[in-house]
């Protein structure tokens, strides 16, 4: 029996969700109970140059207010700091802290471990085949890590 295109989309989304949920749970076991996927997206965007709430909002496709709330949470938890801009003392720039970088490195290591688990489940050759086919279908860089808002970008003002 053949599956529908919608079934394929849901399977791919389910695979993503399974990995993200497992990574979030493992981060919590490692002492980072307060980290959520959106925090990783935000820290990666900040590390890539989003140094204000306005810029973070643009990169994540969220409102400036939502970006400011995310920044406040990340600051409170010690993952992000605001430093004075060396070119304009009136301006504060966002920076990922050492703790923030540690969380991101831990997350990357956990995803590698989860990939290894999947490899043990279905075999190295099968997983390589899946990855090769997905890369062919979606391209080598399927998603920018600093832009999770892609899913709502086309909804415009109907949201």
N, C-alpha and C. Protein backbone atom coordinates (compact mmCIF):
# COMPACT_ATOMS: atom_id res chain seq x y z
N UNK A 1 0.85 -1.19 0.00
CA UNK A 1 0.00 0.00 0.00
C UNK A 1 0.89 1.24 0.00
N UNK A 2 0.61 2.13 -0.89
CA UNK A 2 1.38 3.37 -1.02
C UNK A 2 0.88 4.42 -0.04
N UNK A 3 1.80 5.19 0.49
CA UNK A 3 1.45 6.29 1.40
C UNK A 3 1.21 7.55 0.60
N UNK A 4 0.50 8.48 1.20
CA UNK A 4 0.24 9.76 0.55
C UNK A 4 1.40 10.73 0.80
N UNK A 5 1.39 11.81 0.05
CA UNK A 5 2.38 12.87 0.27
C UNK A 5 2.26 13.44 1.67
N UNK A 6 1.03 13.55 2.16
CA UNK A 6 0.83 14.05 3.52
C UNK A 6 1.44 13.09 4.54
N UNK A 7 1.30 11.80 4.29
CA UNK A 7 1.92 10.81 5.19
C UNK A 7 3.44 10.99 5.23
N UNK A 8 4.04 11.22 4.07
CA UNK A 8 5.48 11.44 4.01
C UNK A 8 5.87 12.67 4.82
N UNK A 9 5.14 13.76 4.63
CA UNK A 9 5.43 14.98 5.37
C UNK A 9 5.32 14.75 6.88
N UNK A 10 4.30 14.01 7.29
CA UNK A 10 4.12 13.74 8.72
C UNK A 10 5.21 12.81 9.26
N UNK A 11 5.65 11.85 8.45
CA UNK A 11 6.76 10.98 8.87
C UNK A 11 8.05 11.79 9.06
N UNK A 12 8.32 12.69 8.12
CA UNK A 12 9.52 13.53 8.24
C UNK A 12 9.42 14.44 9.45
N UNK A 13 8.26 15.04 9.64
CA UNK A 13 8.06 15.90 10.80
C UNK A 13 8.16 15.08 12.09
N UNK A 14 7.62 13.87 12.07
CA UNK A 14 7.70 13.00 13.24
C UNK A 14 9.14 12.62 13.57
N UNK A 15 9.94 12.38 12.54
CA UNK A 15 11.36 12.09 12.77
C UNK A 15 12.06 13.27 13.41
N UNK A 16 11.79 14.46 12.91
CA UNK A 16 12.36 15.68 13.48
C UNK A 16 11.93 15.82 14.93
N UNK A 17 10.64 15.68 15.17
CA UNK A 17 10.09 15.86 16.52
C UNK A 17 10.67 14.81 17.49
N UNK A 18 10.80 13.59 17.03
CA UNK A 18 11.36 12.53 17.87
C UNK A 18 12.79 12.86 18.29
N UNK A 19 13.59 13.32 17.34
CA UNK A 19 14.98 13.68 17.65
C UNK A 19 15.04 14.88 18.59
N UNK A 20 14.26 15.91 18.31
CA UNK A 20 14.29 17.12 19.15
C UNK A 20 13.80 16.83 20.56
N UNK A 21 12.72 16.07 20.68
CA UNK A 21 12.21 15.74 22.02
C UNK A 21 13.23 14.92 22.81
N UNK A 22 13.87 13.96 22.15
CA UNK A 22 14.88 13.14 22.82
C UNK A 22 16.08 13.98 23.22
N UNK A 23 16.49 14.90 22.36
CA UNK A 23 17.63 15.77 22.68
C UNK A 23 17.29 16.70 23.85
N UNK A 24 16.09 17.24 23.87
CA UNK A 24 15.67 18.12 24.95
C UNK A 24 15.64 17.36 26.28
N UNK A 25 15.14 16.14 26.25
CA UNK A 25 15.09 15.32 27.46
C UNK A 25 16.51 14.99 27.94
N UNK A 26 17.40 14.68 27.01
CA UNK A 26 18.79 14.36 27.40
C UNK A 26 19.51 15.59 27.94
N UNK A 27 19.27 16.74 27.35
CA UNK A 27 19.85 17.98 27.90
C UNK A 27 19.39 18.18 29.34
N UNK A 28 18.12 17.91 29.60
CA UNK A 28 17.59 18.03 30.96
C UNK A 28 18.31 17.06 31.90
N UNK A 29 18.52 15.84 31.45
CA UNK A 29 19.25 14.87 32.28
C UNK A 29 20.68 15.32 32.56
N UNK A 30 21.24 16.09 31.65
CA UNK A 30 22.62 16.57 31.81
C UNK A 30 22.68 17.90 32.57
N UNK A 31 21.56 18.32 33.10
CA UNK A 31 21.55 19.52 33.94
C UNK A 31 21.01 20.77 33.30
N UNK A 32 20.54 20.68 32.09
CA UNK A 32 19.99 21.85 31.40
C UNK A 32 18.47 21.69 31.27
N UNK A 33 17.80 21.64 32.40
CA UNK A 33 16.34 21.42 32.41
C UNK A 33 15.57 22.57 31.80
N UNK A 34 16.19 23.73 31.73
CA UNK A 34 15.48 24.93 31.30
C UNK A 34 15.66 25.27 29.82
N UNK A 35 16.28 24.40 29.05
CA UNK A 35 16.53 24.69 27.64
C UNK A 35 15.43 24.10 26.78
N UNK A 36 14.95 24.92 25.86
CA UNK A 36 13.93 24.51 24.91
C UNK A 36 14.49 24.69 23.50
N UNK A 37 13.92 24.02 22.51
CA UNK A 37 14.44 24.15 21.14
C UNK A 37 14.54 25.59 20.66
N UNK A 38 13.57 26.42 20.98
CA UNK A 38 13.62 27.82 20.54
C UNK A 38 14.84 28.54 21.11
N UNK A 39 15.29 28.12 22.29
CA UNK A 39 16.47 28.76 22.88
C UNK A 39 17.70 28.48 22.02
N UNK A 40 17.81 27.26 21.51
CA UNK A 40 18.94 26.92 20.65
C UNK A 40 18.89 27.74 19.37
N UNK A 41 17.71 27.83 18.75
CA UNK A 41 17.57 28.65 17.55
C UNK A 41 18.00 30.08 17.83
N UNK A 42 17.55 30.63 18.95
CA UNK A 42 17.87 32.02 19.29
C UNK A 42 19.36 32.20 19.54
N UNK A 43 19.97 31.29 20.31
CA UNK A 43 21.41 31.42 20.58
C UNK A 43 22.22 31.31 19.30
N UNK A 44 21.82 30.43 18.39
CA UNK A 44 22.54 30.29 17.12
C UNK A 44 22.40 31.57 16.29
N UNK A 45 21.22 32.17 16.30
CA UNK A 45 21.03 33.42 15.57
C UNK A 45 21.87 34.54 16.18
N UNK A 46 21.93 34.60 17.51
CA UNK A 46 22.74 35.62 18.19
C UNK A 46 24.21 35.39 17.88
N UNK A 47 24.66 34.15 17.94
CA UNK A 47 26.06 33.84 17.63
C UNK A 47 26.40 34.21 16.19
N UNK A 48 25.41 34.14 15.31
CA UNK A 48 25.61 34.47 13.90
C UNK A 48 25.47 35.96 13.62
N UNK A 49 25.22 36.77 14.66
CA UNK A 49 25.19 38.22 14.45
C UNK A 49 23.92 38.94 14.80
N UNK A 50 22.88 38.26 15.20
CA UNK A 50 21.64 38.94 15.62
C UNK A 50 21.89 39.54 17.00
N UNK A 51 22.29 40.81 17.04
CA UNK A 51 22.73 41.39 18.30
C UNK A 51 21.73 42.33 18.95
N UNK A 52 20.47 42.29 18.48
CA UNK A 52 19.40 43.10 19.08
C UNK A 52 18.09 42.33 18.99
N UNK A 53 17.10 42.78 19.74
CA UNK A 53 15.78 42.14 19.69
C UNK A 53 15.16 42.27 18.30
N UNK A 54 15.35 43.42 17.68
CA UNK A 54 14.81 43.61 16.33
C UNK A 54 15.41 42.63 15.34
N UNK A 55 16.74 42.50 15.39
CA UNK A 55 17.42 41.59 14.47
C UNK A 55 17.08 40.14 14.78
N UNK A 56 17.01 39.79 16.06
CA UNK A 56 16.65 38.42 16.42
C UNK A 56 15.24 38.11 15.93
N UNK A 57 14.32 39.04 16.10
CA UNK A 57 12.96 38.85 15.62
C UNK A 57 12.92 38.61 14.12
N UNK A 58 13.69 39.41 13.36
CA UNK A 58 13.74 39.22 11.91
C UNK A 58 14.29 37.84 11.56
N UNK A 59 15.36 37.45 12.22
CA UNK A 59 15.99 36.16 11.88
C UNK A 59 15.13 34.97 12.25
N UNK A 60 14.36 35.09 13.33
CA UNK A 60 13.52 33.97 13.77
C UNK A 60 12.09 34.07 13.25
N UNK A 61 11.80 35.14 12.50
CA UNK A 61 10.46 35.39 11.98
C UNK A 61 9.43 35.46 13.10
N UNK A 62 9.79 36.19 14.15
CA UNK A 62 8.89 36.42 15.28
C UNK A 62 8.84 37.93 15.55
N UNK A 63 7.91 38.35 16.37
CA UNK A 63 7.80 39.77 16.68
C UNK A 63 8.97 40.22 17.54
N UNK A 64 9.21 41.52 17.52
CA UNK A 64 10.27 42.09 18.36
C UNK A 64 9.97 41.82 19.83
N UNK A 65 8.69 41.85 20.20
CA UNK A 65 8.29 41.58 21.59
C UNK A 65 8.60 40.14 21.98
N UNK A 66 8.31 39.20 21.09
CA UNK A 66 8.63 37.79 21.38
C UNK A 66 10.13 37.60 21.48
N UNK A 67 10.87 38.26 20.60
CA UNK A 67 12.33 38.18 20.65
C UNK A 67 12.84 38.74 21.97
N UNK A 68 12.27 39.86 22.40
CA UNK A 68 12.71 40.47 23.67
C UNK A 68 12.42 39.54 24.85
N UNK A 69 11.27 38.87 24.83
CA UNK A 69 10.96 37.91 25.90
C UNK A 69 11.94 36.74 25.89
N UNK A 70 12.27 36.24 24.71
CA UNK A 70 13.22 35.14 24.59
C UNK A 70 14.59 35.58 25.10
N UNK A 71 15.01 36.78 24.73
CA UNK A 71 16.29 37.31 25.20
C UNK A 71 16.29 37.42 26.72
N UNK A 72 15.20 37.92 27.29
CA UNK A 72 15.13 38.05 28.75
C UNK A 72 15.28 36.70 29.44
N UNK A 73 14.64 35.68 28.90
CA UNK A 73 14.76 34.34 29.47
C UNK A 73 16.19 33.84 29.36
N UNK A 74 16.79 34.02 28.18
CA UNK A 74 18.17 33.55 27.98
C UNK A 74 19.15 34.30 28.88
N UNK A 75 18.92 35.59 29.08
CA UNK A 75 19.78 36.36 29.99
C UNK A 75 19.61 35.88 31.43
N UNK A 76 18.37 35.70 31.85
CA UNK A 76 18.08 35.25 33.21
C UNK A 76 18.76 33.92 33.51
N UNK A 77 18.83 33.06 32.51
CA UNK A 77 19.41 31.73 32.69
C UNK A 77 20.91 31.70 32.43
N UNK A 78 21.48 32.84 32.03
CA UNK A 78 22.92 32.94 31.85
C UNK A 78 23.45 32.47 30.52
N UNK A 79 22.57 32.28 29.53
CA UNK A 79 22.99 31.80 28.23
C UNK A 79 23.38 32.93 27.28
N UNK A 80 22.88 34.13 27.56
CA UNK A 80 23.13 35.30 26.72
C UNK A 80 23.39 36.49 27.64
N UNK A 81 24.25 37.39 27.19
CA UNK A 81 24.53 38.62 27.94
C UNK A 81 24.40 39.81 27.00
N UNK A 82 24.15 40.97 27.61
CA UNK A 82 24.14 42.23 26.85
C UNK A 82 25.42 42.98 27.22
N UNK A 83 26.17 43.34 26.20
CA UNK A 83 27.39 44.10 26.41
C UNK A 83 27.28 45.44 25.69
N UNK A 84 28.01 46.41 26.18
CA UNK A 84 28.02 47.72 25.55
C UNK A 84 28.72 47.63 24.20
N UNK A 85 28.10 48.22 23.20
CA UNK A 85 28.67 48.25 21.85
C UNK A 85 29.92 49.13 21.88
N UNK A 86 31.06 48.61 21.44
CA UNK A 86 32.28 49.41 21.48
C UNK A 86 32.23 50.65 20.57
N UNK A 87 31.34 50.63 19.58
CA UNK A 87 31.23 51.77 18.66
C UNK A 87 30.17 52.77 19.08
N UNK A 88 29.26 52.37 19.97
CA UNK A 88 28.17 53.25 20.40
C UNK A 88 27.78 52.86 21.82
N UNK A 89 28.26 53.62 22.80
CA UNK A 89 28.04 53.29 24.22
C UNK A 89 26.56 53.28 24.61
N UNK A 90 25.72 53.91 23.80
CA UNK A 90 24.28 53.91 24.11
C UNK A 90 23.63 52.59 23.73
N UNK A 91 24.28 51.82 22.91
CA UNK A 91 23.70 50.58 22.38
C UNK A 91 24.23 49.37 23.14
N UNK A 92 23.35 48.43 23.41
CA UNK A 92 23.72 47.16 24.04
C UNK A 92 23.64 46.07 22.97
N UNK A 93 24.69 45.25 22.91
CA UNK A 93 24.74 44.16 21.94
C UNK A 93 24.60 42.83 22.66
N UNK A 94 23.93 41.90 22.01
CA UNK A 94 23.76 40.56 22.57
C UNK A 94 24.97 39.69 22.24
N UNK A 95 25.35 38.87 23.20
CA UNK A 95 26.44 37.92 23.02
C UNK A 95 26.04 36.60 23.68
N UNK A 96 26.38 35.49 23.07
CA UNK A 96 26.18 34.19 23.70
C UNK A 96 27.31 34.01 24.72
N UNK A 97 26.95 33.58 25.91
CA UNK A 97 27.95 33.38 26.97
C UNK A 97 28.63 32.02 26.81
N UNK A 98 29.65 31.80 27.61
CA UNK A 98 30.34 30.49 27.60
C UNK A 98 29.34 29.39 27.94
N UNK A 99 28.44 29.65 28.88
CA UNK A 99 27.42 28.66 29.24
C UNK A 99 26.50 28.39 28.05
N UNK A 100 26.13 29.42 27.32
CA UNK A 100 25.30 29.25 26.13
C UNK A 100 25.98 28.41 25.08
N UNK A 101 27.26 28.66 24.85
CA UNK A 101 28.00 27.85 23.89
C UNK A 101 28.12 26.41 24.37
N UNK A 102 28.25 26.22 25.68
CA UNK A 102 28.32 24.86 26.22
C UNK A 102 27.02 24.11 25.95
N UNK A 103 25.89 24.77 26.15
CA UNK A 103 24.59 24.14 25.86
C UNK A 103 24.51 23.75 24.39
N UNK A 104 24.93 24.65 23.51
CA UNK A 104 24.86 24.33 22.08
C UNK A 104 25.77 23.15 21.73
N UNK A 105 26.97 23.11 22.30
CA UNK A 105 27.88 21.97 22.05
C UNK A 105 27.30 20.68 22.59
N UNK A 106 26.72 20.73 23.78
CA UNK A 106 26.08 19.55 24.35
C UNK A 106 24.96 19.06 23.44
N UNK A 107 24.14 19.99 22.96
CA UNK A 107 23.05 19.62 22.06
C UNK A 107 23.55 18.96 20.79
N UNK A 108 24.62 19.50 20.22
CA UNK A 108 25.19 18.89 19.01
C UNK A 108 25.68 17.47 19.29
N UNK A 109 26.33 17.29 20.43
CA UNK A 109 26.83 15.95 20.79
C UNK A 109 25.66 14.98 20.99
N UNK A 110 24.60 15.46 21.60
CA UNK A 110 23.43 14.61 21.82
C UNK A 110 22.81 14.19 20.48
N UNK A 111 22.72 15.12 19.53
CA UNK A 111 22.18 14.75 18.22
C UNK A 111 23.06 13.71 17.54
N UNK A 112 24.38 13.81 17.72
CA UNK A 112 25.27 12.78 17.18
C UNK A 112 24.99 11.43 17.83
N UNK A 113 24.76 11.43 19.14
CA UNK A 113 24.44 10.20 19.86
C UNK A 113 23.11 9.62 19.38
N UNK A 114 22.13 10.48 19.14
CA UNK A 114 20.83 10.02 18.65
C UNK A 114 20.95 9.44 17.24
N UNK A 115 21.77 10.06 16.42
CA UNK A 115 22.01 9.52 15.09
C UNK A 115 22.63 8.12 15.20
N UNK A 116 23.59 7.98 16.12
CA UNK A 116 24.21 6.67 16.33
C UNK A 116 23.18 5.63 16.76
N UNK A 117 22.22 6.04 17.59
CA UNK A 117 21.16 5.11 18.02
C UNK A 117 20.33 4.67 16.82
N UNK A 118 19.97 5.61 15.95
CA UNK A 118 19.20 5.26 14.77
C UNK A 118 20.00 4.33 13.87
N UNK A 119 21.31 4.58 13.78
CA UNK A 119 22.16 3.72 12.96
C UNK A 119 22.16 2.29 13.51
N UNK A 120 22.20 2.16 14.83
CA UNK A 120 22.14 0.82 15.43
C UNK A 120 20.78 0.17 15.18
N UNK A 121 19.72 0.96 15.15
CA UNK A 121 18.38 0.42 14.94
C UNK A 121 18.16 -0.09 13.52
N UNK A 122 18.58 0.67 12.52
CA UNK A 122 18.26 0.28 11.14
C UNK A 122 19.49 -0.11 10.33
N UNK A 123 20.67 0.08 10.87
CA UNK A 123 21.90 -0.27 10.16
C UNK A 123 22.54 0.93 9.51
N UNK A 124 23.86 0.89 9.44
CA UNK A 124 24.64 2.01 8.89
C UNK A 124 24.29 2.28 7.43
N UNK A 125 24.19 1.22 6.65
CA UNK A 125 23.91 1.39 5.22
C UNK A 125 22.52 1.99 4.99
N UNK A 126 21.54 1.52 5.74
CA UNK A 126 20.18 2.05 5.59
C UNK A 126 20.10 3.52 5.98
N UNK A 127 20.74 3.88 7.09
CA UNK A 127 20.70 5.28 7.52
C UNK A 127 21.43 6.16 6.52
N UNK A 128 22.55 5.70 6.01
CA UNK A 128 23.27 6.47 4.99
C UNK A 128 22.40 6.66 3.76
N UNK A 129 21.66 5.64 3.38
CA UNK A 129 20.76 5.74 2.23
C UNK A 129 19.67 6.78 2.49
N UNK A 130 19.08 6.73 3.67
CA UNK A 130 18.06 7.72 4.03
C UNK A 130 18.63 9.13 3.95
N UNK A 131 19.80 9.33 4.54
CA UNK A 131 20.44 10.65 4.54
C UNK A 131 20.78 11.11 3.12
N UNK A 132 21.29 10.20 2.31
CA UNK A 132 21.64 10.54 0.93
C UNK A 132 20.40 10.95 0.14
N UNK A 133 19.33 10.19 0.30
CA UNK A 133 18.09 10.53 -0.41
C UNK A 133 17.51 11.85 0.08
N UNK A 134 17.52 12.08 1.37
CA UNK A 134 17.01 13.35 1.89
C UNK A 134 17.84 14.52 1.39
N UNK A 135 19.16 14.37 1.37
CA UNK A 135 20.02 15.43 0.87
C UNK A 135 19.73 15.72 -0.60
N UNK A 136 19.45 14.67 -1.37
CA UNK A 136 19.11 14.84 -2.78
C UNK A 136 17.79 15.60 -2.92
N UNK A 137 16.83 15.25 -2.08
CA UNK A 137 15.50 15.86 -2.19
C UNK A 137 15.42 17.28 -1.65
N UNK A 138 16.13 17.56 -0.55
CA UNK A 138 15.99 18.87 0.08
C UNK A 138 17.22 19.76 -0.03
N UNK A 139 18.32 19.21 -0.52
CA UNK A 139 19.54 19.99 -0.67
C UNK A 139 20.46 19.81 0.52
N UNK A 140 21.68 20.22 0.34
CA UNK A 140 22.70 20.04 1.39
C UNK A 140 22.44 20.89 2.62
N UNK A 141 21.83 22.06 2.46
CA UNK A 141 21.50 22.95 3.57
C UNK A 141 20.00 23.17 3.61
N UNK A 142 19.23 22.18 4.08
CA UNK A 142 17.78 22.25 3.99
C UNK A 142 17.12 23.33 4.85
N UNK A 143 17.73 23.66 5.98
CA UNK A 143 17.13 24.63 6.90
C UNK A 143 18.23 25.45 7.53
N UNK A 144 18.02 26.76 7.60
CA UNK A 144 18.94 27.60 8.36
C UNK A 144 18.58 27.47 9.83
N UNK A 145 19.57 27.21 10.68
CA UNK A 145 19.32 27.01 12.09
C UNK A 145 18.86 28.28 12.81
N UNK A 146 19.08 29.42 12.21
CA UNK A 146 18.67 30.65 12.87
C UNK A 146 17.31 31.13 12.38
N UNK A 147 16.54 30.25 11.72
CA UNK A 147 15.28 30.69 11.15
C UNK A 147 14.18 29.65 11.28
N UNK A 148 13.70 29.37 12.52
CA UNK A 148 12.63 28.39 12.67
C UNK A 148 11.26 28.91 12.29
N UNK A 149 11.13 30.20 12.04
CA UNK A 149 9.82 30.77 11.73
C UNK A 149 9.38 30.54 10.30
N UNK A 150 10.14 29.78 9.52
CA UNK A 150 9.79 29.54 8.12
C UNK A 150 8.40 28.97 7.96
N UNK A 151 7.95 28.23 8.95
CA UNK A 151 6.68 27.55 8.82
C UNK A 151 5.50 28.52 8.81
N UNK A 152 5.68 29.72 9.37
CA UNK A 152 4.58 30.70 9.38
C UNK A 152 4.82 31.87 8.45
N UNK A 153 5.93 31.90 7.74
CA UNK A 153 6.29 33.08 6.95
C UNK A 153 5.27 33.41 5.87
N UNK A 154 4.62 32.43 5.31
CA UNK A 154 3.69 32.68 4.22
C UNK A 154 2.28 32.96 4.69
N UNK A 155 2.05 32.89 5.98
CA UNK A 155 0.70 33.14 6.48
C UNK A 155 0.40 34.63 6.56
N UNK A 156 1.45 35.45 6.54
CA UNK A 156 1.28 36.89 6.52
C UNK A 156 0.42 37.39 7.64
N UNK A 157 -0.53 38.24 7.28
CA UNK A 157 -1.34 38.89 8.29
C UNK A 157 -2.54 38.06 8.74
N UNK A 158 -2.67 36.87 8.21
CA UNK A 158 -3.80 36.03 8.65
C UNK A 158 -3.54 35.40 10.00
N UNK A 159 -2.32 35.54 10.52
CA UNK A 159 -2.00 34.96 11.81
C UNK A 159 -2.48 35.87 12.91
